C-alpha atoms as a PDB file:
ATOM      1  CA  MET A   1      26.256 116.826 -19.385  1.00  0.00           C
ATOM      2  CA  LYS A   2      22.894 118.019 -18.121  1.00  0.00           C
ATOM      3  CA  GLY A   3      21.982 119.224 -21.577  1.00  0.00           C
ATOM      4  CA  ILE A   4      22.579 115.798 -23.125  1.00  0.00           C
ATOM      5  CA  ALA A   5      20.410 114.191 -20.422  1.00  0.00           C
ATOM      6  CA  TYR A   6      17.616 116.696 -21.139  1.00  0.00           C
ATOM      7  CA  VAL A   7      17.840 116.045 -24.884  1.00  0.00           C
ATOM      8  CA  LEU A   8      17.826 112.264 -24.379  1.00  0.00           C
ATOM      9  CA  ALA A   9      14.870 112.537 -21.989  1.00  0.00           C
ATOM     10  CA  ALA A  10      12.988 114.690 -24.505  1.00  0.00           C
ATOM     11  CA  LEU A  11      13.724 112.171 -27.292  1.00  0.00           C
ATOM     12  CA  VAL A  12      12.489 109.318 -25.094  1.00  0.00           C
ATOM     13  CA  VAL A  13       9.294 111.251 -24.315  1.00  0.00           C
ATOM     14  CA  PHE A  14       8.745 111.998 -28.019  1.00  0.00           C
ATOM     15  CA  GLY A  15       9.398 108.353 -28.895  1.00  0.00           C
ATOM     16  CA  LEU A  16       6.940 107.129 -26.283  1.00  0.00           C
ATOM     17  CA  ALA A  17       4.355 109.678 -27.419  1.00  0.00           C
ATOM     18  CA  PHE A  18       4.736 108.499 -31.029  1.00  0.00           C
ATOM     19  CA  TRP A  19       4.436 104.848 -29.921  1.00  0.00           C
ATOM     20  CA  ALA A  20       1.318 105.609 -27.833  1.00  0.00           C
ATOM     21  CA  TYR A  21      -0.211 107.521 -30.774  1.00  0.00           C
ATOM     22  CA  ARG A  22       0.307 104.537 -33.120  1.00  0.00           C
ATOM     23  CA  GLU A  23      -0.969 102.026 -30.544  1.00  0.00           C
ATOM     24  CA  ASN A  24      -4.073 104.143 -29.978  1.00  0.00           C
ATOM     25  CA  TYR A  25      -4.997 104.115 -33.664  1.00  0.00           C
ATOM     26  CA  ALA A  26      -4.116 100.435 -34.026  1.00  0.00           C
ATOM     27  CA  THR A  27      -6.382  99.653 -31.058  1.00  0.00           C
ATOM     28  CA  GLN A  28      -9.211 101.710 -32.535  1.00  0.00           C
ATOM     29  CA  GLN A  29      -8.854  99.828 -35.834  1.00  0.00           C
ATOM     30  CA  VAL A  30      -8.970  96.452 -34.074  1.00  0.00           C
ATOM     31  CA  LEU A  31     -12.034  97.537 -32.093  1.00  0.00           C
ATOM     32  CA  LYS A  32     -13.752  98.601 -35.318  1.00  0.00           C
ATOM     33  CA  GLU A  33     -12.964  95.226 -36.916  1.00  0.00           C
ATOM     34  CA  THR A  34     -14.227  93.455 -33.786  1.00  0.00           C
ATOM     35  CA  ARG A  35     -17.523  95.332 -33.915  1.00  0.00           C
ATOM     36  CA  GLY A  36     -17.860  94.373 -37.573  1.00  0.00           C
ATOM     37  CA  LEU A  37     -17.193  90.713 -36.801  1.00  0.00           C
ATOM     38  CA  GLN A  38     -19.674  90.769 -33.928  1.00  0.00           C
ATOM     39  CA  ARG A  39     -22.278  92.255 -36.251  1.00  0.00           C
ATOM     40  CA  GLN A  40     -21.578  89.500 -38.799  1.00  0.00           C
ATOM     41  CA  ILE A  41     -21.874  86.847 -36.075  1.00  0.00           C
ATOM     42  CA  GLY A  42     -25.209  88.324 -34.975  1.00  0.00           C
ATOM     43  CA  ASP A  43     -26.483  88.322 -38.557  1.00  0.00           C
ATOM     44  CA  ALA A  44     -25.349  84.722 -39.023  1.00  0.00           C
ATOM     45  CA  GLN A  45     -27.095  83.682 -35.813  1.00  0.00           C
ATOM     46  CA  LEU A  46     -30.308  85.342 -37.018  1.00  0.00           C
ATOM     47  CA  ARG A  47     -30.058  83.542 -40.371  1.00  0.00           C
ATOM     48  CA  LEU A  48     -29.375  80.269 -38.566  1.00  0.00           C
ATOM     49  CA  GLY A  49     -32.457  80.770 -36.392  1.00  0.00           C
ATOM     50  CA  VAL A  50     -34.588  81.414 -39.473  1.00  0.00           C
ATOM     51  CA  LEU A  51     -33.155  78.353 -41.226  1.00  0.00           C
ATOM     52  CA  ARG A  52     -33.851  76.175 -38.188  1.00  0.00           C
ATOM     53  CA  ALA A  53     -37.432  77.458 -38.056  1.00  0.00           C
ATOM     54  CA  GLU A  54     -37.888  76.768 -41.780  1.00  0.00           C
ATOM     55  CA  TRP A  55     -36.408  73.279 -41.366  1.00  0.00           C
ATOM     56  CA  ALA A  56     -38.765  72.532 -38.477  1.00  0.00           C
ATOM     57  CA  TYR A  57     -41.690  73.835 -40.541  1.00  0.00           C
ATOM     58  CA  LEU A  58     -40.769  71.750 -43.584  1.00  0.00           C
ATOM     59  CA  ASN A  59     -40.199  68.602 -41.504  1.00  0.00           C
ATOM     60  CA  ARG A  60     -43.606  68.568 -39.828  1.00  0.00           C
ATOM     61  CA  PRO A  61     -44.818  64.954 -39.684  1.00  0.00           C
ATOM     62  CA  GLU A  62     -48.232  65.808 -41.165  1.00  0.00           C
ATOM     63  CA  ARG A  63     -46.577  67.603 -44.115  1.00  0.00           C
ATOM     64  CA  LEU A  64     -44.153  64.749 -44.747  1.00  0.00           C
ATOM     65  CA  SER A  65     -46.975  62.241 -44.508  1.00  0.00           C
ATOM     66  CA  GLU A  66     -49.008  64.222 -47.018  1.00  0.00           C
ATOM     67  CA  LEU A  67     -46.032  64.480 -49.388  1.00  0.00           C
ATOM     68  CA  SER A  68     -45.367  60.757 -49.150  1.00  0.00           C
ATOM     69  CA  GLN A  69     -49.031  60.024 -49.938  1.00  0.00           C
ATOM     70  CA  ILE A  70     -49.032  62.404 -52.904  1.00  0.00           C
ATOM     71  CA  ASN A  71     -45.829  60.898 -54.333  1.00  0.00           C
ATOM     72  CA  PHE A  72     -46.482  57.310 -53.248  1.00  0.00           C
ATOM     73  CA  ASP A  73     -46.620  55.819 -56.762  1.00  0.00           C
ATOM     74  CA  ARG A  74     -43.769  57.888 -58.168  1.00  0.00           C
ATOM     75  CA  LEU A  75     -41.406  57.142 -55.269  1.00  0.00           C
ATOM     76  CA  GLY A  76     -42.363  53.515 -54.873  1.00  0.00           C
ATOM     77  CA  LEU A  77     -42.681  53.834 -51.118  1.00  0.00           C
ATOM     78  CA  LEU A  78     -43.981  51.034 -48.984  1.00  0.00           C
ATOM     79  CA  PRO A  79     -45.535  51.424 -45.560  1.00  0.00           C
ATOM     80  CA  LEU A  80     -43.478  50.155 -42.632  1.00  0.00           C
ATOM     81  CA  ARG A  81     -44.638  46.944 -41.008  1.00  0.00           C
ATOM     82  CA  PRO A  82     -43.334  45.233 -37.875  1.00  0.00           C
ATOM     83  CA  ASP A  83     -42.394  42.102 -39.799  1.00  0.00           C
ATOM     84  CA  GLN A  84     -39.910  44.130 -41.894  1.00  0.00           C
ATOM     85  CA  PHE A  85     -37.572  44.415 -38.919  1.00  0.00           C
ATOM     86  CA  GLY A  86     -35.229  41.620 -37.931  1.00  0.00           C
ATOM     87  CA  ARG A  87     -33.508  40.508 -34.771  1.00  0.00           C
ATOM     88  CA  ILE A  88     -29.840  41.013 -34.076  1.00  0.00           C
ATOM     89  CA  ASP A  89     -29.136  37.274 -34.260  1.00  0.00           C
ATOM     90  CA  GLU A  90     -30.432  37.304 -37.848  1.00  0.00           C
ATOM     91  CA  VAL A  91     -27.813  39.796 -38.996  1.00  0.00           C
ATOM     92  CA  SER A  92     -25.074  38.134 -41.025  1.00  0.00           C
ATOM     93  CA  PHE A  93     -21.714  39.558 -40.134  1.00  0.00           C
ATOM     94  CA  PRO A  94     -18.739  39.267 -42.501  1.00  0.00           C
ATOM     95  CA  PRO A  95     -16.583  36.204 -41.949  1.00  0.00           C
ATOM     96  CA  ALA A  96     -13.558  36.621 -39.746  1.00  0.00           C
ATOM     97  CA  GLN A  97     -10.456  37.494 -41.710  1.00  0.00           C
ATOM     98  CA  ASP A  98      -6.991  36.192 -41.005  1.00  0.00           C
ATOM     99  CA  PRO A  99      -6.196  36.302 -37.310  1.00  0.00           C
ATOM    100  CA  LEU A 100      -4.184  39.254 -36.103  1.00  0.00           C
ATOM    101  CA  LEU A 101      -0.473  38.933 -36.541  1.00  0.00           C
ATOM    102  CA  PRO A 102       1.489  38.194 -33.377  1.00  0.00           C
ATOM    103  CA  ILE A 103       3.285  41.101 -31.778  1.00  0.00           C
ATOM    104  CA  THR A 104       7.040  40.661 -31.846  1.00  0.00           C
ATOM    105  CA  ASN A 105       9.832  42.935 -30.667  1.00  0.00           C
ATOM    106  CA  SER A 106       7.485  44.849 -28.400  1.00  0.00           C
ATOM    107  CA  VAL A 107       8.656  47.960 -26.584  1.00  0.00           C
ATOM    108  CA  ASP A 108       7.678  48.521 -22.959  1.00  0.00           C
ATOM    109  CA  VAL A 109       6.294  52.041 -22.582  1.00  0.00           C
ATOM    110  CA  SER A 110       5.713  53.600 -19.183  1.00  0.00           C
ATOM    111  CA  THR A 111       4.411  56.957 -18.028  1.00  0.00           C
ATOM    112  CA  MET A 112       6.747  56.908 -15.065  1.00  0.00           C
ATOM    113  CA  ALA A 113       9.856  59.044 -15.431  1.00  0.00           C
ATOM    114  CA  ALA A 114      13.368  57.783 -14.944  1.00  0.00           C
ATOM    115  CA  ASP A 115      13.808  59.444 -11.527  1.00  0.00           C
ATOM    116  CA  GLY A 116      10.601  57.905 -10.180  1.00  0.00           C
ATOM    117  CA  GLU A 117       9.015  61.231  -9.219  1.00  0.00           C
ATOM    118  CA  GLY A 118       7.271  62.117 -12.451  1.00  0.00           C
ATOM    119  CA  ASN A 119      10.069  64.386 -13.689  1.00  0.00           C
ATOM    120  CA  PRO A 120      11.844  63.498 -16.925  1.00  0.00           C
END
């Protein structure tokens, strides 16, 4: 009987060793993939920073003003004047549609539970 126990114990130890071996390599693979993803995220953040800097450079007010002056005739731009803006009471809103339908057969919904203590 002792021999069977020793054999079973040895098989359990070998099984656990095999499982630990596989988990170790699986963990190393996941860590390698994680490092790769972190490197990609860092590269993307660098590219995003460069793109934001380029966008800020291209959207400088003096540059945009110069471009609008150069292309004034071709674009048909007009300078903004205060009299081009209106007041809110001058805005024409769409006419009211049919009134909302009446609510019939309504269902009373409550957040209170049946037992009164918040438990369903």
